[in-house]
N, C-alpha and C. Protein backbone atom coordinates (compact mmCIF):
# COMPACT_ATOMS: atom_id res chain seq x y z
N MET A 1 0.84 -1.17 0.00
CA MET A 1 0.00 0.00 0.00
C MET A 1 0.90 1.24 0.00
N ARG A 2 0.75 2.07 -1.01
CA ARG A 2 1.53 3.30 -1.11
C ARG A 2 0.82 4.42 -0.37
N LEU A 3 1.54 5.07 0.55
CA LEU A 3 0.95 6.13 1.36
C LEU A 3 1.53 7.50 1.06
N GLY A 4 2.27 7.60 -0.03
CA GLY A 4 2.82 8.90 -0.39
C GLY A 4 4.27 8.80 -0.80
N THR A 5 4.88 9.97 -0.91
CA THR A 5 6.28 10.08 -1.33
C THR A 5 6.98 11.06 -0.42
N GLU A 6 8.22 10.72 -0.09
CA GLU A 6 9.06 11.63 0.68
C GLU A 6 10.28 11.97 -0.16
N TRP A 7 10.56 13.27 -0.27
CA TRP A 7 11.76 13.73 -0.96
C TRP A 7 12.75 14.20 0.09
N ILE A 8 13.97 13.70 0.00
CA ILE A 8 15.07 14.13 0.84
C ILE A 8 16.08 14.76 -0.11
N VAL A 9 16.30 16.06 0.05
CA VAL A 9 17.08 16.81 -0.93
C VAL A 9 18.23 17.51 -0.22
N ASP A 10 19.43 17.35 -0.76
CA ASP A 10 20.63 18.01 -0.25
C ASP A 10 21.24 18.81 -1.38
N ALA A 11 21.57 20.07 -1.10
CA ALA A 11 22.20 20.93 -2.10
C ALA A 11 23.47 21.52 -1.52
N SER A 12 24.51 21.61 -2.35
CA SER A 12 25.77 22.22 -1.91
C SER A 12 26.29 23.13 -3.01
N GLY A 13 27.34 23.88 -2.66
CA GLY A 13 27.86 24.87 -3.59
C GLY A 13 26.94 26.05 -3.75
N CYS A 14 26.14 26.33 -2.71
CA CYS A 14 25.16 27.43 -2.74
C CYS A 14 25.81 28.74 -2.31
N ASP A 15 25.20 29.84 -2.70
CA ASP A 15 25.62 31.18 -2.32
C ASP A 15 25.26 31.41 -0.85
N PRO A 16 26.26 31.59 0.03
CA PRO A 16 25.99 31.77 1.46
C PRO A 16 25.06 32.95 1.76
N GLU A 17 25.17 34.04 1.01
CA GLU A 17 24.29 35.19 1.27
C GLU A 17 22.84 34.85 1.00
N LYS A 18 22.58 34.10 -0.06
CA LYS A 18 21.20 33.69 -0.36
C LYS A 18 20.67 32.73 0.71
N LEU A 19 21.57 31.92 1.28
CA LEU A 19 21.15 30.98 2.33
C LEU A 19 20.80 31.70 3.63
N ARG A 20 21.25 32.94 3.79
CA ARG A 20 20.92 33.75 4.97
C ARG A 20 19.72 34.66 4.72
N ASP A 21 19.22 34.68 3.50
CA ASP A 21 18.18 35.64 3.10
C ASP A 21 16.79 35.03 3.25
N PRO A 22 16.01 35.50 4.25
CA PRO A 22 14.66 34.94 4.44
C PRO A 22 13.76 35.10 3.21
N THR A 23 13.96 36.19 2.46
CA THR A 23 13.15 36.39 1.25
C THR A 23 13.46 35.32 0.21
N ALA A 24 14.74 34.98 0.03
CA ALA A 24 15.12 33.93 -0.93
C ALA A 24 14.54 32.59 -0.50
N VAL A 25 14.58 32.30 0.79
CA VAL A 25 14.02 31.05 1.30
C VAL A 25 12.50 31.03 1.08
N ASP A 26 11.82 32.13 1.42
CA ASP A 26 10.37 32.20 1.21
C ASP A 26 10.00 32.00 -0.26
N ARG A 27 10.74 32.63 -1.15
CA ARG A 27 10.45 32.48 -2.58
C ARG A 27 10.62 31.04 -3.03
N PHE A 28 11.67 30.39 -2.57
CA PHE A 28 11.89 28.99 -2.93
C PHE A 28 10.76 28.11 -2.40
N VAL A 29 10.42 28.28 -1.13
CA VAL A 29 9.34 27.48 -0.54
C VAL A 29 8.02 27.73 -1.28
N ASP A 30 7.73 28.99 -1.59
CA ASP A 30 6.52 29.31 -2.36
C ASP A 30 6.52 28.62 -3.72
N ALA A 31 7.68 28.59 -4.37
CA ALA A 31 7.77 27.95 -5.70
C ALA A 31 7.51 26.45 -5.60
N VAL A 32 8.04 25.79 -4.57
CA VAL A 32 7.78 24.36 -4.39
C VAL A 32 6.29 24.13 -4.13
N ILE A 33 5.72 24.93 -3.24
CA ILE A 33 4.30 24.79 -2.91
C ILE A 33 3.43 24.98 -4.15
N GLU A 34 3.73 26.02 -4.92
CA GLU A 34 2.95 26.26 -6.13
C GLU A 34 3.21 25.17 -7.18
N GLY A 35 4.47 24.82 -7.38
CA GLY A 35 4.82 23.84 -8.41
C GLY A 35 4.23 22.46 -8.18
N LEU A 36 4.02 22.11 -6.91
CA LEU A 36 3.45 20.79 -6.60
C LEU A 36 1.99 20.88 -6.16
N ALA A 37 1.40 22.07 -6.27
CA ALA A 37 -0.01 22.29 -5.91
C ALA A 37 -0.30 21.80 -4.50
N LEU A 38 0.52 22.26 -3.55
CA LEU A 38 0.36 21.88 -2.15
C LEU A 38 -0.50 22.92 -1.43
N THR A 39 -1.09 22.51 -0.31
CA THR A 39 -1.98 23.38 0.44
C THR A 39 -1.39 23.64 1.82
N VAL A 40 -1.12 24.90 2.13
CA VAL A 40 -0.50 25.30 3.39
C VAL A 40 -1.53 25.41 4.50
N LEU A 41 -1.16 24.90 5.68
CA LEU A 41 -1.94 25.08 6.90
C LEU A 41 -1.19 26.08 7.78
N PRO A 42 -1.69 27.31 7.92
CA PRO A 42 -0.99 28.32 8.72
C PRO A 42 -0.91 27.89 10.19
N PRO A 43 0.03 28.43 10.94
CA PRO A 43 1.01 29.42 10.51
C PRO A 43 2.26 28.74 9.95
N ARG A 44 2.89 29.41 9.05
CA ARG A 44 4.16 28.96 8.49
C ARG A 44 5.25 29.48 9.42
N ARG A 45 6.23 28.66 9.71
CA ARG A 45 7.28 29.05 10.66
C ARG A 45 8.61 29.21 9.95
N VAL A 46 9.26 30.35 10.14
CA VAL A 46 10.58 30.60 9.59
C VAL A 46 11.41 31.24 10.70
N HIS A 47 12.58 30.67 10.95
CA HIS A 47 13.47 31.22 11.97
C HIS A 47 14.82 31.52 11.34
N ARG A 48 15.28 32.76 11.51
CA ARG A 48 16.61 33.13 11.04
C ARG A 48 17.52 33.18 12.25
N PHE A 49 18.61 32.41 12.19
CA PHE A 49 19.57 32.41 13.29
C PHE A 49 20.41 33.68 13.23
N PRO A 50 20.87 34.18 14.36
CA PRO A 50 21.59 35.45 14.38
C PRO A 50 22.96 35.38 13.70
N GLY A 51 23.47 36.56 13.39
CA GLY A 51 24.81 36.67 12.81
C GLY A 51 24.92 35.99 11.46
N GLU A 52 25.88 35.14 11.34
CA GLU A 52 26.14 34.44 10.08
C GLU A 52 25.35 33.14 9.95
N GLY A 53 24.40 32.92 10.87
CA GLY A 53 23.62 31.69 10.87
C GLY A 53 22.67 31.59 9.70
N GLY A 54 22.07 30.44 9.58
CA GLY A 54 21.16 30.16 8.48
C GLY A 54 19.71 30.32 8.86
N ILE A 55 18.88 29.59 8.17
CA ILE A 55 17.42 29.69 8.32
C ILE A 55 16.83 28.29 8.42
N THR A 56 15.83 28.17 9.27
CA THR A 56 15.02 26.96 9.36
C THR A 56 13.59 27.35 9.02
N ALA A 57 12.97 26.61 8.13
CA ALA A 57 11.58 26.86 7.75
C ALA A 57 10.79 25.56 7.89
N LEU A 58 9.59 25.68 8.38
CA LEU A 58 8.70 24.54 8.52
C LEU A 58 7.31 24.95 8.07
N VAL A 59 6.75 24.18 7.14
CA VAL A 59 5.43 24.47 6.62
C VAL A 59 4.58 23.21 6.78
N LEU A 60 3.51 23.34 7.53
CA LEU A 60 2.52 22.26 7.61
C LEU A 60 1.66 22.32 6.37
N LEU A 61 1.39 21.16 5.82
CA LEU A 61 0.58 21.06 4.60
C LEU A 61 -0.59 20.11 4.84
N THR A 62 -1.67 20.29 4.11
CA THR A 62 -2.73 19.29 4.20
C THR A 62 -2.19 17.94 3.72
N GLU A 63 -1.16 17.99 2.88
CA GLU A 63 -0.53 16.78 2.37
C GLU A 63 0.55 16.25 3.30
N SER A 64 0.99 16.99 4.30
CA SER A 64 1.93 16.63 5.35
C SER A 64 2.84 17.78 5.73
N HIS A 65 4.12 17.81 5.27
CA HIS A 65 5.01 18.87 5.72
C HIS A 65 6.18 19.10 4.76
N LEU A 66 6.75 20.30 4.88
CA LEU A 66 7.98 20.67 4.18
C LEU A 66 8.90 21.32 5.22
N ALA A 67 10.12 20.82 5.33
CA ALA A 67 11.11 21.40 6.24
C ALA A 67 12.35 21.74 5.43
N LEU A 68 12.94 22.90 5.73
CA LEU A 68 14.14 23.36 5.02
C LEU A 68 15.10 23.94 6.04
N HIS A 69 16.38 23.62 5.88
CA HIS A 69 17.42 24.14 6.77
C HIS A 69 18.58 24.62 5.90
N THR A 70 19.06 25.84 6.15
CA THR A 70 20.21 26.34 5.40
C THR A 70 21.45 26.37 6.29
N PHE A 71 22.59 26.15 5.68
CA PHE A 71 23.88 26.12 6.36
C PHE A 71 24.85 26.99 5.58
N PRO A 72 24.75 28.33 5.74
CA PRO A 72 25.60 29.23 4.95
C PRO A 72 27.09 28.97 5.15
N GLU A 73 27.46 28.57 6.36
CA GLU A 73 28.88 28.31 6.63
C GLU A 73 29.44 27.15 5.81
N HIS A 74 28.55 26.33 5.26
CA HIS A 74 28.94 25.20 4.41
C HIS A 74 28.45 25.36 2.98
N GLY A 75 27.74 26.44 2.68
CA GLY A 75 27.19 26.64 1.35
C GLY A 75 26.19 25.55 0.99
N ALA A 76 25.39 25.12 1.99
CA ALA A 76 24.52 23.96 1.78
C ALA A 76 23.13 24.21 2.34
N LEU A 77 22.18 23.41 1.87
CA LEU A 77 20.85 23.39 2.45
C LEU A 77 20.26 22.00 2.30
N THR A 78 19.29 21.72 3.17
CA THR A 78 18.59 20.44 3.12
C THR A 78 17.09 20.70 3.09
N VAL A 79 16.38 19.84 2.38
CA VAL A 79 14.91 19.93 2.29
C VAL A 79 14.35 18.54 2.54
N ASN A 80 13.26 18.49 3.29
CA ASN A 80 12.51 17.26 3.47
C ASN A 80 11.06 17.60 3.17
N LEU A 81 10.48 16.90 2.21
CA LEU A 81 9.09 17.11 1.84
C LEU A 81 8.40 15.76 1.81
N TYR A 82 7.35 15.63 2.60
CA TYR A 82 6.54 14.42 2.57
C TYR A 82 5.15 14.79 2.10
N CYS A 83 4.66 14.05 1.12
CA CYS A 83 3.30 14.23 0.59
C CYS A 83 2.57 12.90 0.68
N CYS A 84 1.41 12.92 1.30
CA CYS A 84 0.62 11.70 1.42
C CYS A 84 -0.25 11.45 0.19
N ARG A 85 -0.18 12.36 -0.77
CA ARG A 85 -0.87 12.17 -2.06
C ARG A 85 0.17 12.25 -3.17
N GLU A 86 -0.07 11.51 -4.21
CA GLU A 86 0.87 11.51 -5.33
C GLU A 86 1.02 12.89 -5.93
N ARG A 87 2.22 13.22 -6.33
CA ARG A 87 2.54 14.49 -6.95
C ARG A 87 3.39 14.22 -8.18
N PRO A 88 3.38 15.15 -9.14
CA PRO A 88 4.23 14.98 -10.32
C PRO A 88 5.70 15.18 -9.92
N PRO A 89 6.61 14.79 -10.78
CA PRO A 89 8.03 15.04 -10.50
C PRO A 89 8.28 16.54 -10.34
N TYR A 90 9.29 16.88 -9.55
CA TYR A 90 9.65 18.28 -9.35
C TYR A 90 11.10 18.47 -9.77
N ALA A 91 11.40 19.58 -10.40
CA ALA A 91 12.75 19.88 -10.91
C ALA A 91 13.60 20.49 -9.80
N TRP A 92 13.95 19.69 -8.80
CA TRP A 92 14.71 20.17 -7.65
C TRP A 92 16.02 20.83 -8.06
N GLU A 93 16.75 20.16 -8.95
CA GLU A 93 18.07 20.68 -9.35
C GLU A 93 17.96 22.09 -9.95
N ALA A 94 17.07 22.25 -10.89
CA ALA A 94 16.89 23.56 -11.54
C ALA A 94 16.42 24.61 -10.55
N ALA A 95 15.48 24.25 -9.69
CA ALA A 95 14.94 25.21 -8.72
C ALA A 95 16.00 25.65 -7.71
N LEU A 96 16.80 24.71 -7.23
CA LEU A 96 17.83 25.05 -6.25
C LEU A 96 18.98 25.82 -6.89
N HIS A 97 19.28 25.52 -8.13
CA HIS A 97 20.31 26.30 -8.83
C HIS A 97 19.82 27.74 -9.04
N ALA A 98 18.59 27.89 -9.49
CA ALA A 98 18.04 29.23 -9.75
C ALA A 98 17.89 30.04 -8.45
N SER A 99 17.49 29.40 -7.37
CA SER A 99 17.22 30.12 -6.12
C SER A 99 18.46 30.40 -5.28
N PHE A 100 19.39 29.44 -5.27
CA PHE A 100 20.54 29.55 -4.36
C PHE A 100 21.89 29.35 -5.03
N GLY A 101 21.89 29.15 -6.34
CA GLY A 101 23.14 28.92 -7.06
C GLY A 101 23.74 27.55 -6.79
N ALA A 102 22.94 26.59 -6.37
CA ALA A 102 23.44 25.25 -6.02
C ALA A 102 24.24 24.65 -7.18
N ALA A 103 25.43 24.17 -6.85
CA ALA A 103 26.28 23.52 -7.85
C ALA A 103 25.99 22.02 -7.91
N ARG A 104 25.61 21.44 -6.77
CA ARG A 104 25.33 20.01 -6.70
C ARG A 104 24.03 19.80 -5.93
N VAL A 105 23.20 18.90 -6.45
CA VAL A 105 21.93 18.58 -5.79
C VAL A 105 21.77 17.06 -5.80
N HIS A 106 21.46 16.51 -4.64
CA HIS A 106 21.21 15.07 -4.52
C HIS A 106 19.78 14.89 -4.02
N VAL A 107 19.00 14.12 -4.76
CA VAL A 107 17.58 13.92 -4.42
C VAL A 107 17.32 12.43 -4.21
N VAL A 108 16.71 12.12 -3.08
CA VAL A 108 16.22 10.78 -2.82
C VAL A 108 14.70 10.88 -2.80
N GLU A 109 14.07 10.10 -3.65
CA GLU A 109 12.59 10.04 -3.68
C GLU A 109 12.19 8.69 -3.15
N ALA A 110 11.58 8.70 -1.96
CA ALA A 110 11.26 7.45 -1.28
C ALA A 110 9.75 7.23 -1.22
N PRO A 111 9.28 6.12 -1.80
CA PRO A 111 7.87 5.79 -1.64
C PRO A 111 7.62 5.42 -0.18
N ARG A 112 6.49 5.86 0.37
CA ARG A 112 6.15 5.57 1.76
C ARG A 112 5.00 4.58 1.81
N GLY A 113 4.97 3.80 2.87
CA GLY A 113 3.91 2.83 3.07
C GLY A 113 4.49 1.43 3.18
N VAL A 114 3.67 0.51 3.58
CA VAL A 114 4.07 -0.88 3.76
C VAL A 114 3.86 -1.61 2.43
N PRO A 115 4.92 -2.27 1.93
CA PRO A 115 4.76 -3.01 0.65
C PRO A 115 3.79 -4.17 0.77
């Protein structure tokens, strides 16, 4: 029984300034939500760490959740998206390159549920 899909996404070689920019993170999250036709359950949570720190974002969805963490000190970010309903493929590599300048993107797409 398939209960959805979980995407585990790691990006590196990103622009550290963009990884510290809450507006850049919001735009990326909005693009994923729109691109996959997801439904947000407010409130959306975004925390910017002080100084040179990164950003943590968490969005509850009717389909489950999206979590994003940026690591400017490493030029990296991670995304976890779980959807309990089937969704079309998403162009993670292109989106992360356009939003954060990611040089490398690794995507694991895991079917969820008991076989």
